[in-house]
Amino acid sequence: MQEAGHNYDQYFKMVEPALKSKADELELIGYGQVSTKDIWNYFIKKKWKKVKIEVHIHELVSDILALKSGEFMNFTTVEAFRSPNWFAELNEDELQDLLKPKVK
């Protein structure tokens, strides 16, 4: 699913309604389409990095519902900058070819 072997992965299906609610909220306020997995990845990589041994479902749901849109969008922006540059492997000619307008 997300990062392999995270201790909280077993709770994903149980908290999915809260994730869906938060995704819908973010979409309503204008942040475009956000998936439940995008929000889950935020928590796995950022908020729940340090795993609590005895976590309760209500704690996870509370964290999800309390997520501020700015925190999520900041994380998403940083992750986008960390992702590999898809154009780095192209030579100049291939890049120019991609940038040319297509004639119909």
N, C-alpha and C. Protein backbone atom coordinates (compact mmCIF):
# COMPACT_ATOMS: atom_id res chain seq x y z
N MET A 1 0.86 -1.18 0.00
CA MET A 1 0.00 0.00 0.00
C MET A 1 0.90 1.23 0.00
N GLN A 2 1.28 1.76 1.14
CA GLN A 2 2.17 2.90 1.21
C GLN A 2 3.56 2.37 1.56
N GLU A 3 4.20 2.98 2.53
CA GLU A 3 5.50 2.49 2.94
C GLU A 3 5.33 1.08 3.50
N ALA A 4 6.10 0.16 2.97
CA ALA A 4 5.96 -1.24 3.36
C ALA A 4 6.30 -1.42 4.83
N GLY A 5 5.44 -2.13 5.50
CA GLY A 5 5.72 -2.53 6.87
C GLY A 5 5.45 -1.52 7.96
N HIS A 6 4.74 -0.45 7.68
CA HIS A 6 4.42 0.49 8.75
C HIS A 6 3.39 -0.16 9.67
N ASN A 7 3.60 0.00 10.95
CA ASN A 7 2.73 -0.66 11.94
C ASN A 7 1.27 -0.25 11.84
N TYR A 8 0.99 0.94 11.34
CA TYR A 8 -0.39 1.41 11.30
C TYR A 8 -1.13 0.97 10.04
N ASP A 9 -0.45 0.33 9.09
CA ASP A 9 -1.12 -0.08 7.86
C ASP A 9 -2.34 -0.97 8.12
N GLN A 10 -2.31 -1.69 9.21
CA GLN A 10 -3.44 -2.57 9.54
C GLN A 10 -4.72 -1.78 9.84
N TYR A 11 -4.58 -0.49 10.14
CA TYR A 11 -5.73 0.34 10.49
C TYR A 11 -6.32 1.11 9.32
N PHE A 12 -5.67 1.02 8.15
CA PHE A 12 -6.09 1.84 7.01
C PHE A 12 -7.58 1.68 6.71
N LYS A 13 -8.05 0.47 6.54
CA LYS A 13 -9.46 0.24 6.19
C LYS A 13 -10.40 0.76 7.27
N MET A 14 -9.98 0.67 8.53
CA MET A 14 -10.85 1.11 9.63
C MET A 14 -11.01 2.63 9.66
N VAL A 15 -9.95 3.34 9.28
CA VAL A 15 -10.01 4.81 9.34
C VAL A 15 -10.31 5.43 7.98
N GLU A 16 -10.55 4.59 6.98
CA GLU A 16 -10.79 5.10 5.63
C GLU A 16 -11.96 6.09 5.55
N PRO A 17 -13.06 5.90 6.29
CA PRO A 17 -14.12 6.91 6.24
C PRO A 17 -13.65 8.30 6.70
N ALA A 18 -12.79 8.35 7.70
CA ALA A 18 -12.25 9.64 8.15
C ALA A 18 -11.33 10.23 7.08
N LEU A 19 -10.53 9.37 6.45
CA LEU A 19 -9.66 9.82 5.37
C LEU A 19 -10.49 10.38 4.20
N LYS A 20 -11.58 9.70 3.87
CA LYS A 20 -12.46 10.13 2.79
C LYS A 20 -13.10 11.48 3.13
N SER A 21 -13.52 11.62 4.38
CA SER A 21 -14.12 12.87 4.83
C SER A 21 -13.12 14.02 4.69
N LYS A 22 -11.88 13.79 5.09
CA LYS A 22 -10.85 14.83 4.99
C LYS A 22 -10.53 15.13 3.53
N ALA A 23 -10.48 14.12 2.69
CA ALA A 23 -10.22 14.33 1.26
C ALA A 23 -11.34 15.17 0.64
N ASP A 24 -12.57 14.87 1.00
CA ASP A 24 -13.72 15.64 0.51
C ASP A 24 -13.65 17.09 0.98
N GLU A 25 -13.26 17.28 2.23
CA GLU A 25 -13.13 18.63 2.79
C GLU A 25 -12.08 19.43 2.02
N LEU A 26 -10.92 18.82 1.76
CA LEU A 26 -9.86 19.50 1.03
C LEU A 26 -10.31 19.86 -0.39
N GLU A 27 -11.07 18.96 -0.99
CA GLU A 27 -11.58 19.23 -2.34
C GLU A 27 -12.59 20.38 -2.32
N LEU A 28 -13.44 20.40 -1.31
CA LEU A 28 -14.46 21.45 -1.19
C LEU A 28 -13.85 22.85 -1.04
N ILE A 29 -12.72 22.93 -0.34
CA ILE A 29 -12.12 24.25 -0.13
C ILE A 29 -11.15 24.63 -1.24
N GLY A 30 -11.10 23.79 -2.29
CA GLY A 30 -10.38 24.19 -3.49
C GLY A 30 -9.00 23.61 -3.70
N TYR A 31 -8.66 22.55 -3.02
CA TYR A 31 -7.33 21.96 -3.19
C TYR A 31 -7.29 20.87 -4.25
N GLY A 32 -8.28 20.80 -5.09
CA GLY A 32 -8.28 19.79 -6.15
C GLY A 32 -8.58 18.42 -5.60
N GLN A 33 -8.33 17.43 -6.43
CA GLN A 33 -8.64 16.06 -6.04
C GLN A 33 -7.51 15.50 -5.16
N VAL A 34 -7.86 15.09 -3.97
CA VAL A 34 -6.93 14.49 -3.03
C VAL A 34 -7.46 13.10 -2.69
N SER A 35 -6.59 12.10 -2.77
CA SER A 35 -7.04 10.74 -2.47
C SER A 35 -6.83 10.40 -0.99
N THR A 36 -7.53 9.39 -0.56
CA THR A 36 -7.36 8.92 0.82
C THR A 36 -5.92 8.43 1.02
N LYS A 37 -5.34 7.84 -0.01
CA LYS A 37 -3.95 7.35 0.11
C LYS A 37 -2.96 8.50 0.22
N ASP A 38 -3.26 9.63 -0.43
CA ASP A 38 -2.39 10.80 -0.29
C ASP A 38 -2.36 11.27 1.16
N ILE A 39 -3.52 11.32 1.77
CA ILE A 39 -3.61 11.76 3.16
C ILE A 39 -2.95 10.72 4.07
N TRP A 40 -3.20 9.45 3.82
CA TRP A 40 -2.58 8.38 4.60
C TRP A 40 -1.05 8.49 4.53
N ASN A 41 -0.52 8.73 3.34
CA ASN A 41 0.93 8.86 3.19
C ASN A 41 1.48 10.04 3.97
N TYR A 42 0.72 11.13 4.04
CA TYR A 42 1.14 12.27 4.86
C TYR A 42 1.35 11.81 6.30
N PHE A 43 0.37 11.11 6.83
CA PHE A 43 0.47 10.68 8.23
C PHE A 43 1.59 9.67 8.44
N ILE A 44 1.74 8.73 7.54
CA ILE A 44 2.78 7.70 7.68
C ILE A 44 4.18 8.33 7.62
N LYS A 45 4.35 9.27 6.69
CA LYS A 45 5.68 9.85 6.49
C LYS A 45 5.98 11.03 7.42
N LYS A 46 4.95 11.68 7.94
CA LYS A 46 5.17 12.89 8.73
C LYS A 46 4.69 12.74 10.17
N LYS A 47 3.41 12.64 10.35
CA LYS A 47 2.81 12.69 11.69
C LYS A 47 3.05 11.42 12.51
N TRP A 48 2.97 10.27 11.86
CA TRP A 48 3.10 9.00 12.57
C TRP A 48 4.43 8.33 12.31
N LYS A 49 5.45 9.11 12.04
CA LYS A 49 6.78 8.55 11.80
C LYS A 49 7.24 7.70 12.98
N LYS A 50 7.04 8.26 14.18
CA LYS A 50 7.36 7.52 15.40
C LYS A 50 6.10 6.75 15.81
N VAL A 51 6.18 5.45 15.72
CA VAL A 51 5.03 4.60 15.97
C VAL A 51 4.81 4.41 17.46
N LYS A 52 3.57 4.62 17.89
CA LYS A 52 3.20 4.30 19.28
C LYS A 52 2.88 2.82 19.35
N ILE A 53 3.36 2.16 20.37
CA ILE A 53 3.15 0.72 20.50
C ILE A 53 1.67 0.40 20.69
N GLU A 54 1.00 1.13 21.55
CA GLU A 54 -0.43 0.89 21.78
C GLU A 54 -1.23 2.09 21.31
N VAL A 55 -1.50 2.13 20.03
CA VAL A 55 -2.28 3.22 19.47
C VAL A 55 -3.74 2.81 19.43
N HIS A 56 -4.61 3.78 19.64
CA HIS A 56 -6.04 3.52 19.59
C HIS A 56 -6.61 4.14 18.31
N ILE A 57 -7.62 3.49 17.77
CA ILE A 57 -8.24 3.96 16.54
C ILE A 57 -8.72 5.41 16.69
N HIS A 58 -9.29 5.74 17.81
CA HIS A 58 -9.81 7.10 17.99
C HIS A 58 -8.70 8.14 17.92
N GLU A 59 -7.47 7.78 18.28
CA GLU A 59 -6.34 8.71 18.16
C GLU A 59 -6.01 8.97 16.69
N LEU A 60 -6.03 7.90 15.89
CA LEU A 60 -5.76 8.04 14.46
C LEU A 60 -6.84 8.88 13.79
N VAL A 61 -8.09 8.59 14.11
CA VAL A 61 -9.21 9.33 13.52
C VAL A 61 -9.13 10.80 13.94
N SER A 62 -8.81 11.06 15.19
CA SER A 62 -8.69 12.43 15.67
C SER A 62 -7.59 13.18 14.92
N ASP A 63 -6.45 12.53 14.71
CA ASP A 63 -5.35 13.15 13.95
C ASP A 63 -5.80 13.48 12.53
N ILE A 64 -6.50 12.54 11.91
CA ILE A 64 -6.95 12.73 10.52
C ILE A 64 -7.92 13.91 10.43
N LEU A 65 -8.90 13.94 11.31
CA LEU A 65 -9.90 15.00 11.25
C LEU A 65 -9.34 16.37 11.65
N ALA A 66 -8.26 16.38 12.42
CA ALA A 66 -7.65 17.64 12.85
C ALA A 66 -6.61 18.17 11.85
N LEU A 67 -6.35 17.42 10.79
CA LEU A 67 -5.36 17.84 9.80
C LEU A 67 -5.74 19.18 9.18
N LYS A 68 -4.81 20.11 9.20
CA LYS A 68 -5.04 21.43 8.60
C LYS A 68 -4.60 21.36 7.14
N SER A 69 -5.37 22.01 6.30
CA SER A 69 -5.09 21.96 4.86
C SER A 69 -3.70 22.49 4.54
N GLY A 70 -3.26 23.53 5.22
CA GLY A 70 -1.94 24.10 4.97
C GLY A 70 -0.81 23.12 5.26
N GLU A 71 -0.95 22.37 6.34
CA GLU A 71 0.07 21.37 6.69
C GLU A 71 0.17 20.30 5.59
N PHE A 72 -0.98 19.85 5.14
CA PHE A 72 -1.00 18.82 4.10
C PHE A 72 -0.41 19.35 2.80
N MET A 73 -0.79 20.55 2.41
CA MET A 73 -0.30 21.11 1.15
C MET A 73 1.19 21.42 1.21
N ASN A 74 1.68 21.88 2.36
CA ASN A 74 3.13 22.09 2.51
C ASN A 74 3.88 20.78 2.33
N PHE A 75 3.39 19.73 2.95
CA PHE A 75 4.01 18.41 2.83
C PHE A 75 3.99 17.94 1.37
N THR A 76 2.85 18.10 0.72
CA THR A 76 2.70 17.66 -0.67
C THR A 76 3.67 18.42 -1.58
N THR A 77 3.82 19.71 -1.34
CA THR A 77 4.73 20.52 -2.15
C THR A 77 6.18 20.07 -1.97
N VAL A 78 6.58 19.85 -0.74
CA VAL A 78 7.96 19.39 -0.46
C VAL A 78 8.19 18.03 -1.09
N GLU A 79 7.22 17.13 -0.99
CA GLU A 79 7.36 15.80 -1.59
C GLU A 79 7.50 15.89 -3.11
N ALA A 80 6.79 16.82 -3.71
CA ALA A 80 6.88 16.98 -5.17
C ALA A 80 8.28 17.43 -5.57
N PHE A 81 8.88 18.31 -4.77
CA PHE A 81 10.24 18.75 -5.08
C PHE A 81 11.26 17.65 -4.85
N ARG A 82 10.96 16.72 -3.94
CA ARG A 82 11.88 15.61 -3.66
C ARG A 82 11.80 14.51 -4.71
N SER A 83 10.71 14.46 -5.44
CA SER A 83 10.54 13.39 -6.43
C SER A 83 11.56 13.56 -7.54
N PRO A 84 11.88 12.46 -8.22
CA PRO A 84 12.88 12.54 -9.28
C PRO A 84 12.43 13.45 -10.42
N ASN A 85 13.38 14.09 -11.04
CA ASN A 85 13.09 14.95 -12.17
C ASN A 85 12.92 14.06 -13.40
N TRP A 86 11.71 13.98 -13.92
CA TRP A 86 11.41 13.08 -15.03
C TRP A 86 12.11 13.50 -16.32
N PHE A 87 12.50 14.76 -16.42
CA PHE A 87 13.11 15.24 -17.64
C PHE A 87 14.64 15.17 -17.60
N ALA A 88 15.22 14.78 -16.47
CA ALA A 88 16.67 14.75 -16.34
C ALA A 88 17.30 13.73 -17.29
N GLU A 89 16.59 12.67 -17.62
CA GLU A 89 17.14 11.62 -18.47
C GLU A 89 17.03 11.94 -19.96
N LEU A 90 16.32 12.99 -20.32
CA LEU A 90 16.15 13.35 -21.72
C LEU A 90 17.32 14.21 -22.19
N ASN A 91 17.76 13.98 -23.43
CA ASN A 91 18.77 14.88 -23.98
C ASN A 91 18.06 16.11 -24.53
N GLU A 92 18.81 17.09 -24.97
CA GLU A 92 18.24 18.36 -25.42
C GLU A 92 17.26 18.18 -26.58
N ASP A 93 17.59 17.32 -27.55
CA ASP A 93 16.71 17.11 -28.70
C ASP A 93 15.37 16.49 -28.28
N GLU A 94 15.43 15.51 -27.38
CA GLU A 94 14.19 14.87 -26.92
C GLU A 94 13.33 15.86 -26.15
N LEU A 95 13.96 16.69 -25.34
CA LEU A 95 13.21 17.69 -24.59
C LEU A 95 12.57 18.71 -25.52
N GLN A 96 13.30 19.17 -26.52
CA GLN A 96 12.75 20.12 -27.49
C GLN A 96 11.59 19.51 -28.27
N ASP A 97 11.70 18.21 -28.59
CA ASP A 97 10.63 17.53 -29.29
C ASP A 97 9.34 17.49 -28.46
N LEU A 98 9.50 17.29 -27.17
CA LEU A 98 8.33 17.28 -26.27
C LEU A 98 7.68 18.66 -26.19
N LEU A 99 8.49 19.69 -26.29
CA LEU A 99 7.98 21.06 -26.13
C LEU A 99 7.37 21.63 -27.42
N LYS A 100 7.60 20.98 -28.55
CA LYS A 100 7.04 21.46 -29.82
C LYS A 100 5.52 21.29 -29.83
N PRO A 101 4.82 22.28 -30.38
CA PRO A 101 3.37 22.11 -30.52
C PRO A 101 3.10 21.02 -31.58
N LYS A 102 2.13 20.21 -31.31
CA LYS A 102 1.75 19.14 -32.24
C LYS A 102 0.84 19.71 -33.33
N VAL A 103 1.18 19.39 -34.57
CA VAL A 103 0.37 19.86 -35.71
C VAL A 103 -0.64 18.79 -36.04
N LYS A 104 -1.88 19.22 -36.25
CA LYS A 104 -2.94 18.25 -36.56
C LYS A 104 -3.10 18.06 -38.03
